[in-house]
C-alpha atoms as a PDB file:
ATOM      1  CA  MET A   1      69.818  77.120  84.984  1.00  0.00           C
ATOM      2  CA  LYS A   2      68.000  80.102  86.502  1.00  0.00           C
ATOM      3  CA  LYS A   3      68.515  83.335  84.607  1.00  0.00           C
ATOM      4  CA  ILE A   4      69.753  86.493  86.331  1.00  0.00           C
ATOM      5  CA  ASN A   5      66.935  89.033  86.663  1.00  0.00           C
ATOM      6  CA  LEU A   6      68.297  92.415  85.591  1.00  0.00           C
ATOM      7  CA  GLY A   7      66.746  95.860  85.912  1.00  0.00           C
ATOM      8  CA  ILE A   8      68.011  98.803  83.851  1.00  0.00           C
ATOM      9  CA  VAL A   9      67.573 102.446  84.883  1.00  0.00           C
ATOM     10  CA  GLU A  10      68.791 104.700  82.068  1.00  0.00           C
ATOM     11  CA  ASP A  11      67.230 107.871  80.635  1.00  0.00           C
ATOM     12  CA  ASN A  12      69.295 107.950  77.420  1.00  0.00           C
ATOM     13  CA  ARG A  13      67.081 106.115  74.928  1.00  0.00           C
ATOM     14  CA  LEU A  14      69.908 104.873  72.710  1.00  0.00           C
ATOM     15  CA  VAL A  15      71.948 103.584  75.662  1.00  0.00           C
ATOM     16  CA  GLY A  16      68.877 102.027  77.292  1.00  0.00           C
ATOM     17  CA  GLU A  17      67.787 100.296  74.100  1.00  0.00           C
ATOM     18  CA  THR A  18      71.324  99.007  73.500  1.00  0.00           C
ATOM     19  CA  LEU A  19      71.561  97.547  77.000  1.00  0.00           C
ATOM     20  CA  LYS A  20      68.099  96.020  76.815  1.00  0.00           C
ATOM     21  CA  PHE A  21      68.803  94.447  73.417  1.00  0.00           C
ATOM     22  CA  TYR A  22      72.221  93.094  74.467  1.00  0.00           C
ATOM     23  CA  PHE A  23      71.089  91.511  77.739  1.00  0.00           C
ATOM     24  CA  SER A  24      67.781  90.263  76.305  1.00  0.00           C
ATOM     25  CA  LYS A  25      69.812  88.226  73.803  1.00  0.00           C
ATOM     26  CA  ASP A  26      72.163  86.890  76.491  1.00  0.00           C
ATOM     27  CA  SER A  27      71.303  83.424  77.782  1.00  0.00           C
ATOM     28  CA  ASP A  28      72.446  84.288  81.324  1.00  0.00           C
ATOM     29  CA  PHE A  29      70.109  87.256  81.799  1.00  0.00           C
ATOM     30  CA  GLU A  30      66.430  88.148  81.850  1.00  0.00           C
ATOM     31  CA  VAL A  31      65.685  91.878  81.532  1.00  0.00           C
ATOM     32  CA  SER A  32      62.891  92.502  84.048  1.00  0.00           C
ATOM     33  CA  PHE A  33      62.452  96.193  83.268  1.00  0.00           C
ATOM     34  CA  TRP A  34      63.963  99.287  81.721  1.00  0.00           C
ATOM     35  CA  ALA A  35      63.092 102.515  83.562  1.00  0.00           C
ATOM     36  CA  VAL A  36      64.006 106.006  82.354  1.00  0.00           C
ATOM     37  CA  SER A  37      63.864 107.742  85.759  1.00  0.00           C
ATOM     38  CA  TYR A  38      63.601 107.122  89.500  1.00  0.00           C
ATOM     39  CA  GLU A  39      59.854 107.695  89.267  1.00  0.00           C
ATOM     40  CA  ASP A  40      59.592 105.048  86.548  1.00  0.00           C
ATOM     41  CA  ILE A  41      61.187 102.273  88.648  1.00  0.00           C
ATOM     42  CA  PRO A  42      58.645  99.505  89.470  1.00  0.00           C
ATOM     43  CA  PHE A  43      59.467  99.323  93.184  1.00  0.00           C
ATOM     44  CA  GLY A  44      56.739  96.726  93.722  1.00  0.00           C
ATOM     45  CA  GLU A  45      58.638  94.256  91.528  1.00  0.00           C
ATOM     46  CA  LEU A  46      62.040  94.544  93.206  1.00  0.00           C
ATOM     47  CA  ASN A  47      61.695  91.280  95.139  1.00  0.00           C
ATOM     48  CA  ASN A  48      62.174  89.385  91.878  1.00  0.00           C
ATOM     49  CA  LEU A  49      65.374  91.158  90.901  1.00  0.00           C
ATOM     50  CA  ASP A  50      69.005  90.097  91.317  1.00  0.00           C
ATOM     51  CA  ILE A  51      70.819  93.195  90.073  1.00  0.00           C
ATOM     52  CA  ILE A  52      70.165  96.694  88.702  1.00  0.00           C
ATOM     53  CA  LEU A  53      72.352  98.719  86.340  1.00  0.00           C
ATOM     54  CA  CYS A  54      71.537 102.335  87.215  1.00  0.00           C
ATOM     55  CA  ASP A  55      72.499 105.597  85.511  1.00  0.00           C
ATOM     56  CA  ILE A  56      73.695 108.173  88.041  1.00  0.00           C
ATOM     57  CA  GLY A  57      72.574 111.255  86.081  1.00  0.00           C
ATOM     58  CA  LEU A  58      68.808 110.712  85.998  1.00  0.00           C
ATOM     59  CA  PRO A  59      66.197 113.441  85.535  1.00  0.00           C
ATOM     60  CA  GLY A  60      64.458 114.221  88.823  1.00  0.00           C
ATOM     61  CA  LYS A  61      65.908 112.157  91.659  1.00  0.00           C
ATOM     62  CA  SER A  62      69.482 111.044  90.978  1.00  0.00           C
ATOM     63  CA  GLY A  63      70.822 107.538  90.579  1.00  0.00           C
ATOM     64  CA  VAL A  64      72.409 107.869  94.034  1.00  0.00           C
ATOM     65  CA  GLU A  65      68.971 108.524  95.550  1.00  0.00           C
ATOM     66  CA  ALA A  66      67.509 105.676  93.502  1.00  0.00           C
ATOM     67  CA  THR A  67      70.210 103.343  94.815  1.00  0.00           C
ATOM     68  CA  TYR A  68      69.505 104.297  98.421  1.00  0.00           C
ATOM     69  CA  HIS A  69      65.769 103.663  98.078  1.00  0.00           C
ATOM     70  CA  ILE A  70      66.274 100.429  96.136  1.00  0.00           C
ATOM     71  CA  LYS A  71      68.563  99.105  98.887  1.00  0.00           C
ATOM     72  CA  GLN A  72      66.066 100.203 101.546  1.00  0.00           C
ATOM     73  CA  LYS A  73      63.322  98.323  99.723  1.00  0.00           C
ATOM     74  CA  ASN A  74      65.376  95.181  99.117  1.00  0.00           C
ATOM     75  CA  PRO A  75      68.944  95.050 100.546  1.00  0.00           C
ATOM     76  CA  LYS A  76      69.653  91.821  98.644  1.00  0.00           C
ATOM     77  CA  ILE A  77      69.566  93.545  95.259  1.00  0.00           C
ATOM     78  CA  SER A  78      72.966  94.539  93.909  1.00  0.00           C
ATOM     79  CA  VAL A  79      73.106  97.974  92.267  1.00  0.00           C
ATOM     80  CA  VAL A  80      75.857  98.915  89.828  1.00  0.00           C
ATOM     81  CA  MET A  81      76.129 102.576  88.842  1.00  0.00           C
ATOM     82  CA  PHE A  82      76.477 103.292  85.121  1.00  0.00           C
ATOM     83  CA  THR A  83      77.645 106.748  84.124  1.00  0.00           C
ATOM     84  CA  VAL A  84      79.923 109.091  82.214  1.00  0.00           C
ATOM     85  CA  PHE A  85      81.008 110.765  85.461  1.00  0.00           C
ATOM     86  CA  GLU A  86      84.394 110.120  87.075  1.00  0.00           C
ATOM     87  CA  GLU A  87      84.164 112.642  89.935  1.00  0.00           C
ATOM     88  CA  ASP A  88      85.350 111.306  93.283  1.00  0.00           C
ATOM     89  CA  ASP A  89      82.336 112.641  95.177  1.00  0.00           C
ATOM     90  CA  LYS A  90      79.870 110.815  92.916  1.00  0.00           C
ATOM     91  CA  ILE A  91      81.840 107.581  93.245  1.00  0.00           C
ATOM     92  CA  PHE A  92      81.774 107.632  97.028  1.00  0.00           C
ATOM     93  CA  GLN A  93      78.209 108.939  97.290  1.00  0.00           C
ATOM     94  CA  SER A  94      77.190 105.919  95.229  1.00  0.00           C
ATOM     95  CA  LEU A  95      79.167 103.462  97.351  1.00  0.00           C
ATOM     96  CA  GLN A  96      77.809 104.998 100.548  1.00  0.00           C
ATOM     97  CA  ALA A  97      74.261 104.706  99.195  1.00  0.00           C
ATOM     98  CA  GLY A  98      74.840 100.972  98.836  1.00  0.00           C
ATOM     99  CA  ALA A  99      76.096 100.535  95.274  1.00  0.00           C
ATOM    100  CA  SER A 100      78.164  97.422  94.615  1.00  0.00           C
ATOM    101  CA  GLY A 101      80.104  98.931  91.762  1.00  0.00           C
ATOM    102  CA  TYR A 102      80.627 101.796  89.362  1.00  0.00           C
ATOM    103  CA  LEU A 103      81.060 101.345  85.604  1.00  0.00           C
ATOM    104  CA  LEU A 104      81.696 104.002  82.973  1.00  0.00           C
ATOM    105  CA  LYS A 105      79.466 104.126  79.901  1.00  0.00           C
ATOM    106  CA  SER A 106      82.572 103.752  77.756  1.00  0.00           C
ATOM    107  CA  THR A 107      82.942 100.191  79.110  1.00  0.00           C
ATOM    108  CA  PRO A 108      82.446  97.556  76.353  1.00  0.00           C
ATOM    109  CA  LEU A 109      79.223  95.534  76.677  1.00  0.00           C
ATOM    110  CA  ALA A 110      81.098  92.270  77.292  1.00  0.00           C
ATOM    111  CA  GLU A 111      82.988  93.905  80.176  1.00  0.00           C
ATOM    112  CA  ILE A 112      79.746  95.301  81.592  1.00  0.00           C
ATOM    113  CA  LYS A 113      78.393  91.757  81.653  1.00  0.00           C
ATOM    114  CA  ALA A 114      81.595  90.501  83.311  1.00  0.00           C
ATOM    115  CA  GLY A 115      81.304  93.257  85.912  1.00  0.00           C
ATOM    116  CA  LEU A 116      77.714  92.321  86.747  1.00  0.00           C
ATOM    117  CA  LEU A 117      78.682  88.665  87.096  1.00  0.00           C
ATOM    118  CA  ASP A 118      81.565  89.639  89.391  1.00  0.00           C
ATOM    119  CA  VAL A 119      79.179  91.527  91.645  1.00  0.00           C
ATOM    120  CA  LEU A 120      76.817  88.562  91.849  1.00  0.00           C
ATOM    121  CA  SER A 121      79.707  86.326  92.918  1.00  0.00           C
ATOM    122  CA  ASN A 122      80.432  88.662  95.869  1.00  0.00           C
ATOM    123  CA  GLY A 123      82.958  90.705  93.991  1.00  0.00           C
ATOM    124  CA  ALA A 124      82.852  94.281  92.796  1.00  0.00           C
ATOM    125  CA  ALA A 125      82.456  96.024  89.476  1.00  0.00           C
ATOM    126  CA  ILE A 126      84.642  99.070  89.127  1.00  0.00           C
ATOM    127  CA  SER A 127      86.255 100.335  85.914  1.00  0.00           C
ATOM    128  CA  PRO A 128      90.083 100.542  86.051  1.00  0.00           C
ATOM    129  CA  VAL A 129      89.979 104.367  86.047  1.00  0.00           C
ATOM    130  CA  ILE A 130      87.555 104.317  88.965  1.00  0.00           C
ATOM    131  CA  ALA A 131      89.548 101.621  90.778  1.00  0.00           C
ATOM    132  CA  LYS A 132      92.611 103.876  90.720  1.00  0.00           C
ATOM    133  CA  LYS A 133      90.594 106.724  92.226  1.00  0.00           C
ATOM    134  CA  VAL A 134      89.338 104.396  94.975  1.00  0.00           C
ATOM    135  CA  PHE A 135      92.866 103.215  95.727  1.00  0.00           C
ATOM    136  CA  ASN A 136      94.205 106.780  95.901  1.00  0.00           C
ATOM    137  CA  TYR A 137      91.264 107.932  97.999  1.00  0.00           C
ATOM    138  CA  PHE A 138      91.847 105.341 100.705  1.00  0.00           C
ATOM    139  CA  ASN A 139      95.606 106.129 100.698  1.00  0.00           C
ATOM    140  CA  LEU A 140      96.758 102.882 102.265  1.00  0.00           C
ATOM    141  CA  SER A 141     100.036 104.174 103.656  1.00  0.00           C
ATOM    142  CA  GLU A 142      99.952 102.312 106.961  1.00  0.00           C
ATOM    143  CA  THR A 143      99.062  98.794 107.991  1.00  0.00           C
ATOM    144  CA  PRO A 144      95.778  98.996 109.953  1.00  0.00           C
ATOM    145  CA  LYS A 145      95.626  97.457 113.409  1.00  0.00           C
ATOM    146  CA  SER A 146      92.763  96.218 115.564  1.00  0.00           C
ATOM    147  CA  ASP A 147      93.212  94.941 119.133  1.00  0.00           C
ATOM    148  CA  GLY A 148      96.944  94.641 118.557  1.00  0.00           C
ATOM    149  CA  GLN A 149      96.613  92.473 115.454  1.00  0.00           C
ATOM    150  CA  SER A 150      98.462  93.854 112.460  1.00  0.00           C
ATOM    151  CA  LEU A 151      97.683  92.696 108.960  1.00  0.00           C
ATOM    152  CA  SER A 152     100.409  90.602 107.372  1.00  0.00           C
ATOM    153  CA  PRO A 153     102.077  91.943 104.206  1.00  0.00           C
ATOM    154  CA  ARG A 154     100.039  89.508 102.091  1.00  0.00           C
ATOM    155  CA  GLU A 155      96.790  90.462 103.863  1.00  0.00           C
ATOM    156  CA  PHE A 156      97.629  94.088 103.202  1.00  0.00           C
ATOM    157  CA  ASP A 157      98.119  93.287  99.498  1.00  0.00           C
ATOM    158  CA  VAL A 158      94.742  91.546  99.396  1.00  0.00           C
ATOM    159  CA  LEU A 159      93.044  94.410 101.248  1.00  0.00           C
ATOM    160  CA  SER A 160      94.462  96.905  98.746  1.00  0.00           C
ATOM    161  CA  GLN A 161      93.067  94.863  95.877  1.00  0.00           C
ATOM    162  CA  VAL A 162      89.639  94.570  97.542  1.00  0.00           C
ATOM    163  CA  LEU A 163      89.429  98.323  98.073  1.00  0.00           C
ATOM    164  CA  ALA A 164      90.477  98.881  94.456  1.00  0.00           C
ATOM    165  CA  GLY A 165      87.316  97.033  93.444  1.00  0.00           C
ATOM    166  CA  TYR A 166      88.628  93.631  92.350  1.00  0.00           C
ATOM    167  CA  SER A 167      86.694  90.415  92.960  1.00  0.00           C
ATOM    168  CA  ASN A 168      88.220  87.413  94.748  1.00  0.00           C
ATOM    169  CA  ARG A 169      88.755  85.702  91.393  1.00  0.00           C
ATOM    170  CA  GLN A 170      90.516  88.741  89.949  1.00  0.00           C
ATOM    171  CA  ILE A 171      92.702  89.121  93.047  1.00  0.00           C
ATOM    172  CA  ALA A 172      93.697  85.461  92.844  1.00  0.00           C
ATOM    173  CA  GLU A 173      94.757  85.957  89.218  1.00  0.00           C
ATOM    174  CA  ARG A 174      96.581  89.235  89.910  1.00  0.00           C
ATOM    175  CA  LEU A 175      98.503  87.819  92.908  1.00  0.00           C
ATOM    176  CA  SER A 176      98.941  84.337  91.376  1.00  0.00           C
ATOM    177  CA  ILE A 177      97.463  82.486  94.346  1.00  0.00           C
ATOM    178  CA  SER A 178      94.425  80.220  94.729  1.00  0.00           C
ATOM    179  CA  MET A 179      90.844  81.344  95.307  1.00  0.00           C
ATOM    180  CA  GLU A 180      90.751  79.425  98.598  1.00  0.00           C
ATOM    181  CA  THR A 181      93.833  81.273  99.809  1.00  0.00           C
ATOM    182  CA  ILE A 182      92.247  84.608  98.888  1.00  0.00           C
ATOM    183  CA  LYS A 183      89.056  83.702 100.750  1.00  0.00           C
ATOM    184  CA  SER A 184      91.128  82.733 103.784  1.00  0.00           C
ATOM    185  CA  HIS A 185      92.988  86.062 103.703  1.00  0.00           C
ATOM    186  CA  VAL A 186      89.716  87.994 103.392  1.00  0.00           C
ATOM    187  CA  ARG A 187      88.252  86.139 106.383  1.00  0.00           C
ATOM    188  CA  ARG A 188      91.341  86.953 108.441  1.00  0.00           C
ATOM    189  CA  ILE A 189      91.138  90.637 107.428  1.00  0.00           C
ATOM    190  CA  TYR A 190      87.502  90.758 108.545  1.00  0.00           C
ATOM    191  CA  GLU A 191      88.408  89.091 111.853  1.00  0.00           C
ATOM    192  CA  LYS A 192      91.332  91.402 112.571  1.00  0.00           C
ATOM    193  CA  LEU A 193      89.395  94.553 111.721  1.00  0.00           C
ATOM    194  CA  GLN A 194      86.220  93.227 113.357  1.00  0.00           C
ATOM    195  CA  LEU A 195      84.198  93.717 110.191  1.00  0.00           C
ATOM    196  CA  ASN A 196      81.756  91.523 108.295  1.00  0.00           C
ATOM    197  CA  SER A 197      81.697  92.552 104.645  1.00  0.00           C
ATOM    198  CA  ARG A 198      83.250  94.554 101.820  1.00  0.00           C
ATOM    199  CA  ALA A 199      80.731  97.310 102.475  1.00  0.00           C
ATOM    200  CA  ASP A 200      82.054  97.483 106.053  1.00  0.00           C
ATOM    201  CA  LEU A 201      85.611  97.807 104.685  1.00  0.00           C
ATOM    202  CA  PHE A 202      84.634 100.769 102.519  1.00  0.00           C
ATOM    203  CA  GLN A 203      82.969 102.429 105.516  1.00  0.00           C
ATOM    204  CA  TYR A 204      85.971 101.684 107.736  1.00  0.00           C
ATOM    205  CA  TYR A 205      88.402 103.392 105.355  1.00  0.00           C
ATOM    206  CA  ASN A 206      86.012 106.251 104.658  1.00  0.00           C
ATOM    207  CA  GLY A 207      86.307 107.311 108.290  1.00  0.00           C
ATOM    208  CA  ASP A 208      82.920 106.088 109.489  1.00  0.00           C
ATOM    209  CA  SER A 209      84.298 103.570 111.977  1.00  0.00           C
ATOM    210  CA  ALA A 210      86.246 105.911 114.225  1.00  0.00           C
END
């Protein structure tokens, strides 16, 4: 089975060494690099990567800037922000730069791994505290409509869970319905809102689609 190629961008030596040691010992992952700043990132090697765990508070250029340039270089790489910050503006700057998730440094290592795996299975990795902020930010008080098609109550439930950062598997467990049913609901949501991805949903509810 092919290992997941992981890049780590973290300037705190203790945190960086801990992450590198943990994932180097994990049979699912291969640590491709550990960089301590934006300038230290081996951009020429990004084509071999699957996912990057990136600190937001880097010296020099920030993790948000790093995320933007990583996604410009290789859009297929998933970037998960890793930070002590919980400020709303940093969360949404990261998502707008192309991040697939946002994990706090207080997250246990096993949950960090689970979050990365969720991202790679087309989910999202967002700590519960951050998920609540995302949910409140989007303020889903009305059922959205597109070309006269309203979302059903169940589709609205699924949409709320998606925007809160949960993967399809997690939504299926939380709503006690099958994965196939969740996938069907997500497809219908995309069709009704004329969107193509989760990133498009975040943009839509952040006011960029008006």
